[in-house]
Protein backbone atom coordinates (compact mmCIF):
# COMPACT_ATOMS: atom_id res chain seq x y z
CA UNK A 1 0.00 0.00 0.00
CA UNK A 2 1.39 3.41 -0.96
CA UNK A 3 2.06 6.09 1.64
CA UNK A 4 -0.32 9.06 1.12
CA UNK A 5 2.34 11.50 2.30
CA UNK A 6 4.73 10.23 -0.37
CA UNK A 7 1.99 10.53 -2.98
CA UNK A 8 1.27 14.12 -1.91
CA UNK A 9 4.95 15.02 -1.87
CA UNK A 10 5.34 13.62 -5.38
CA UNK A 11 2.22 15.35 -6.72
CA UNK A 12 3.22 18.78 -5.42
CA UNK A 13 7.00 18.33 -5.50
CA UNK A 14 7.79 21.10 -7.98
CA UNK A 15 5.71 23.84 -6.39
CA UNK A 16 6.53 22.85 -2.79
CA UNK A 17 10.25 23.01 -3.61
CA UNK A 18 9.84 26.77 -4.07
CA UNK A 19 9.00 27.04 -0.37
CA UNK A 20 12.51 26.08 0.72
CA UNK A 21 13.46 28.34 3.63
CA UNK A 22 10.32 30.47 3.34
CA UNK A 23 8.68 31.43 6.63
CA UNK A 24 5.09 30.24 6.99
CA UNK A 25 2.89 30.77 10.03
CA UNK A 26 0.38 27.92 10.34
CA UNK A 27 -2.70 28.88 12.35
CA UNK A 28 -4.66 25.91 13.66
CA UNK A 29 -8.22 26.53 14.84
CA UNK A 30 -10.69 24.39 16.76
CA UNK A 31 -11.96 21.95 14.15
CA UNK A 32 -11.67 18.20 14.61
CA UNK A 33 -9.34 18.24 11.59
CA UNK A 34 -6.74 19.84 13.86
CA UNK A 35 -6.10 16.35 15.23
CA UNK A 36 -4.26 15.51 11.99
CA UNK A 37 -1.69 18.28 12.46
CA UNK A 38 1.12 15.97 13.72
CA UNK A 39 0.67 13.82 10.63
CA UNK A 40 1.03 16.82 8.33
CA UNK A 41 4.03 18.16 10.21
CA UNK A 42 5.62 14.79 9.58
CA UNK A 43 4.82 15.28 5.90
CA UNK A 44 6.60 18.66 5.90
CA UNK A 45 9.60 17.19 7.70
CA UNK A 46 9.99 14.66 4.89
CA UNK A 47 10.05 17.25 2.13
CA UNK A 48 13.50 17.60 0.54
CA UNK A 49 13.18 21.41 0.55
CA UNK A 50 10.93 22.29 3.51
CA UNK A 51 9.74 25.73 4.56
CA UNK A 52 10.25 27.15 8.04
CA UNK A 53 7.04 26.71 10.00
CA UNK A 54 5.68 28.34 13.10
CA UNK A 55 2.47 26.89 14.52
CA UNK A 56 -0.05 28.85 16.56
CA UNK A 57 -2.96 27.00 18.14
CA UNK A 58 -6.19 28.67 19.19
CA UNK A 59 -7.44 27.71 22.64
CA UNK A 60 -10.08 25.42 21.17
CA UNK A 61 -7.50 23.75 18.94
CA UNK A 62 -5.53 22.67 22.02
CA UNK A 63 -8.43 20.37 22.89
CA UNK A 64 -8.06 18.69 19.50
CA UNK A 65 -4.28 18.23 19.29
CA UNK A 66 -1.56 17.88 21.91
CA UNK A 67 1.04 20.63 22.10
CA UNK A 68 3.78 18.16 23.11
CA UNK A 69 3.43 16.23 19.85
CA UNK A 70 3.35 19.42 17.79
CA UNK A 71 6.43 20.82 19.53
CA UNK A 72 8.37 17.58 19.06
CA UNK A 73 7.65 17.41 15.34
CA UNK A 74 8.08 21.13 14.79
CA UNK A 75 11.40 21.38 16.59
CA UNK A 76 10.36 24.64 18.24
CA UNK A 77 7.80 25.62 20.89
CA UNK A 78 4.14 25.59 19.92
CA UNK A 79 2.58 29.03 20.32
CA UNK A 80 -0.83 29.70 21.84
CA UNK A 81 -2.89 32.21 19.91
CA UNK A 82 -3.96 34.32 22.86
CA UNK A 83 -3.26 37.81 24.16
CA UNK A 84 -2.87 36.20 27.59
CA UNK A 85 0.06 34.06 26.45
CA UNK A 86 3.08 35.52 28.22
CA UNK A 87 5.39 34.22 25.50
CA UNK A 88 3.50 36.22 22.88
CA UNK A 89 3.15 39.60 24.51
CA UNK A 90 1.00 42.51 23.39
CA UNK A 91 2.98 43.07 20.17
CA UNK A 92 2.77 39.48 18.92
CA UNK A 93 0.72 40.53 15.90
CA UNK A 94 3.46 42.91 14.75
CA UNK A 95 6.19 40.30 15.17
CA UNK A 96 4.13 37.68 13.32
CA UNK A 97 3.32 40.00 10.43
CA UNK A 98 6.98 40.97 10.06
CA UNK A 99 8.30 37.40 10.37
CA UNK A 100 5.92 35.61 8.02
CA UNK A 101 6.36 35.29 4.28
CA UNK A 102 2.87 33.79 4.29
CA UNK A 103 0.06 32.57 6.54
CA UNK A 104 -1.81 29.27 6.26
CA UNK A 105 -4.94 28.80 8.39
CA UNK A 106 -5.64 25.06 8.43
CA UNK A 107 -8.22 24.12 9.50
CA UNK A 108 -10.14 27.40 9.54
CA UNK A 109 -13.40 27.25 11.46
CA UNK A 110 -16.50 29.20 10.43
CA UNK A 111 -16.02 31.37 13.52
CA UNK A 112 -12.39 32.24 12.76
CA UNK A 113 -13.13 32.90 9.09
CA UNK A 114 -15.99 35.23 10.02
CA UNK A 115 -13.82 37.19 12.41
CA UNK A 116 -11.11 37.70 9.81
CA UNK A 117 -13.68 38.66 7.18
CA UNK A 118 -15.18 41.28 9.49
CA UNK A 119 -11.87 42.76 10.62
CA UNK A 120 -12.06 41.53 14.21
CA UNK A 121 -8.89 41.03 16.24
CA UNK A 122 -9.69 38.80 19.19
CA UNK A 123 -6.30 37.05 18.94
CA UNK A 124 -2.78 37.97 17.77
CA UNK A 125 -3.12 36.04 14.50
CA UNK A 126 -6.44 37.66 13.66
CA UNK A 127 -4.86 41.09 14.02
CA UNK A 128 -1.72 39.98 12.16
CA UNK A 129 -3.89 38.93 9.22
CA UNK A 130 -5.31 42.45 9.10
CA UNK A 131 -1.82 44.00 9.19
CA UNK A 132 0.05 41.81 6.73
CA UNK A 133 0.51 42.20 2.99
CA UNK A 134 1.89 38.66 2.75
CA UNK A 135 -0.22 35.90 1.18
CA UNK A 136 -2.92 34.41 3.40
CA UNK A 137 -4.47 31.03 2.58
CA UNK A 138 -7.60 29.98 4.49
CA UNK A 139 -8.78 26.35 4.45
CA UNK A 140 -12.33 26.35 5.86
CA UNK A 141 -13.68 23.37 7.81
CA UNK A 142 -17.43 23.89 7.98
CA UNK A 143 -20.50 22.35 9.63
CA UNK A 144 -23.15 20.82 7.35
CA UNK A 145 -25.31 23.43 5.64
CA UNK A 146 -23.01 26.42 6.02
CA UNK A 147 -21.62 26.34 2.49
CA UNK A 148 -24.81 27.90 1.14
CA UNK A 149 -25.51 30.09 4.16
CA UNK A 150 -25.83 33.83 3.42
CA UNK A 151 -23.29 34.69 6.12
CA UNK A 152 -20.65 32.38 4.60
CA UNK A 153 -21.22 33.86 1.15
CA UNK A 154 -20.81 37.36 2.59
CA UNK A 155 -17.59 36.33 4.33
CA UNK A 156 -16.24 34.88 1.08
CA UNK A 157 -17.06 38.03 -0.85
CA UNK A 158 -15.18 40.19 1.65
CA UNK A 159 -12.18 37.91 1.87
CA UNK A 160 -11.76 37.31 -1.85
CA UNK A 161 -11.88 41.07 -2.34
CA UNK A 162 -8.53 41.28 -0.59
CA UNK A 163 -5.65 40.90 -3.08
CA UNK A 164 -3.47 38.59 -0.98
CA UNK A 165 -6.17 36.30 0.46
CA UNK A 166 -7.06 32.88 -0.97
CA UNK A 167 -9.96 30.83 0.37
CA UNK A 168 -9.84 27.18 -0.68
CA UNK A 169 -13.05 25.22 -1.14
CA UNK A 170 -13.68 22.61 1.57
CA UNK A 171 -13.86 18.95 0.67
CA UNK A 172 -16.62 16.45 1.36
CA UNK A 173 -16.77 13.82 4.05
CA UNK A 174 -18.88 12.12 6.67
CA UNK A 175 -20.06 14.52 9.35
CA UNK A 176 -19.21 13.34 12.87
CA UNK A 177 -22.34 15.17 14.04
CA UNK A 178 -24.87 13.56 11.69
CA UNK A 179 -23.13 10.45 10.42
CA UNK A 180 -24.09 11.44 6.89
CA UNK A 181 -21.83 12.39 4.00
CA UNK A 182 -22.45 16.10 4.41
CA UNK A 183 -19.33 17.12 6.29
CA UNK A 184 -17.12 19.85 4.87
CA UNK A 185 -13.52 19.13 5.93
CA UNK A 186 -10.68 21.46 4.94
CA UNK A 187 -8.73 21.02 1.74
CA UNK A 188 -5.81 18.65 2.43
CA UNK A 189 -2.82 20.30 4.08
CA UNK A 190 -0.50 19.75 1.06
CA UNK A 191 -3.06 21.54 -1.13
CA UNK A 192 -3.06 24.48 1.27
CA UNK A 193 0.72 24.55 1.34
CA UNK A 194 0.88 24.37 -2.46
CA UNK A 195 -1.52 27.31 -2.61
CA UNK A 196 0.84 29.26 -0.34
CA UNK A 197 3.72 28.44 -2.68
CA UNK A 198 1.72 29.52 -5.72
CA UNK A 199 0.79 32.81 -4.06
CA UNK A 200 4.42 33.50 -3.17
CA UNK A 201 5.74 32.74 -6.64
CA UNK A 202 3.13 35.02 -8.19
CA UNK A 203 4.37 38.03 -6.20
CA UNK A 204 6.84 40.37 -7.86
CA UNK A 205 10.56 39.63 -7.29
CA UNK A 206 10.83 42.63 -4.97
CA UNK A 207 7.83 41.55 -2.90
CA UNK A 208 9.05 37.96 -2.74
CA UNK A 209 12.44 38.99 -1.34
CA UNK A 210 11.34 41.98 0.72
CA UNK A 211 11.76 40.08 4.00
């Protein structure tokens, strides 16, 4: 049986190679899909030309994935996306916006996506996403029925109106709430990372090296 991480690495090898050394902040929000983060960090570790990752977990995400596992695979401390986190400080949003070449929010809950769309800044990453001109890729993980909800459509319209924001369509799967095939999981992590790479390569040479 083939290893899905090897298949993904092979499929996106060319575009992911352009991420070598690039600094990507991965924001993980409180969807059940967050439980797969250690698996995807292992995928990144196996890339021949990996990017530099920083991971920030929302408080709800910490109930879905263990920080010890994330820290071990990441090789650096996991950051909590909270203004109360002493390690972050009150200027965390500035430091994040200056450090990152790009942001990847995976998975991105309906709540987090709505806050970003409406310019709210309840956490350091939410404010950083309002301050940055670097590419931002959002990978929504949605409850059944929200894809056609008026609020979601309004959020999409606002977000896609921003030049550096990409919102990837969710996939399909079995909902843990209903047991029916109406779940809307996020696009696979390698797809999100490839979208980050595409966004970075499409920037002008000056923008791409400005950091």
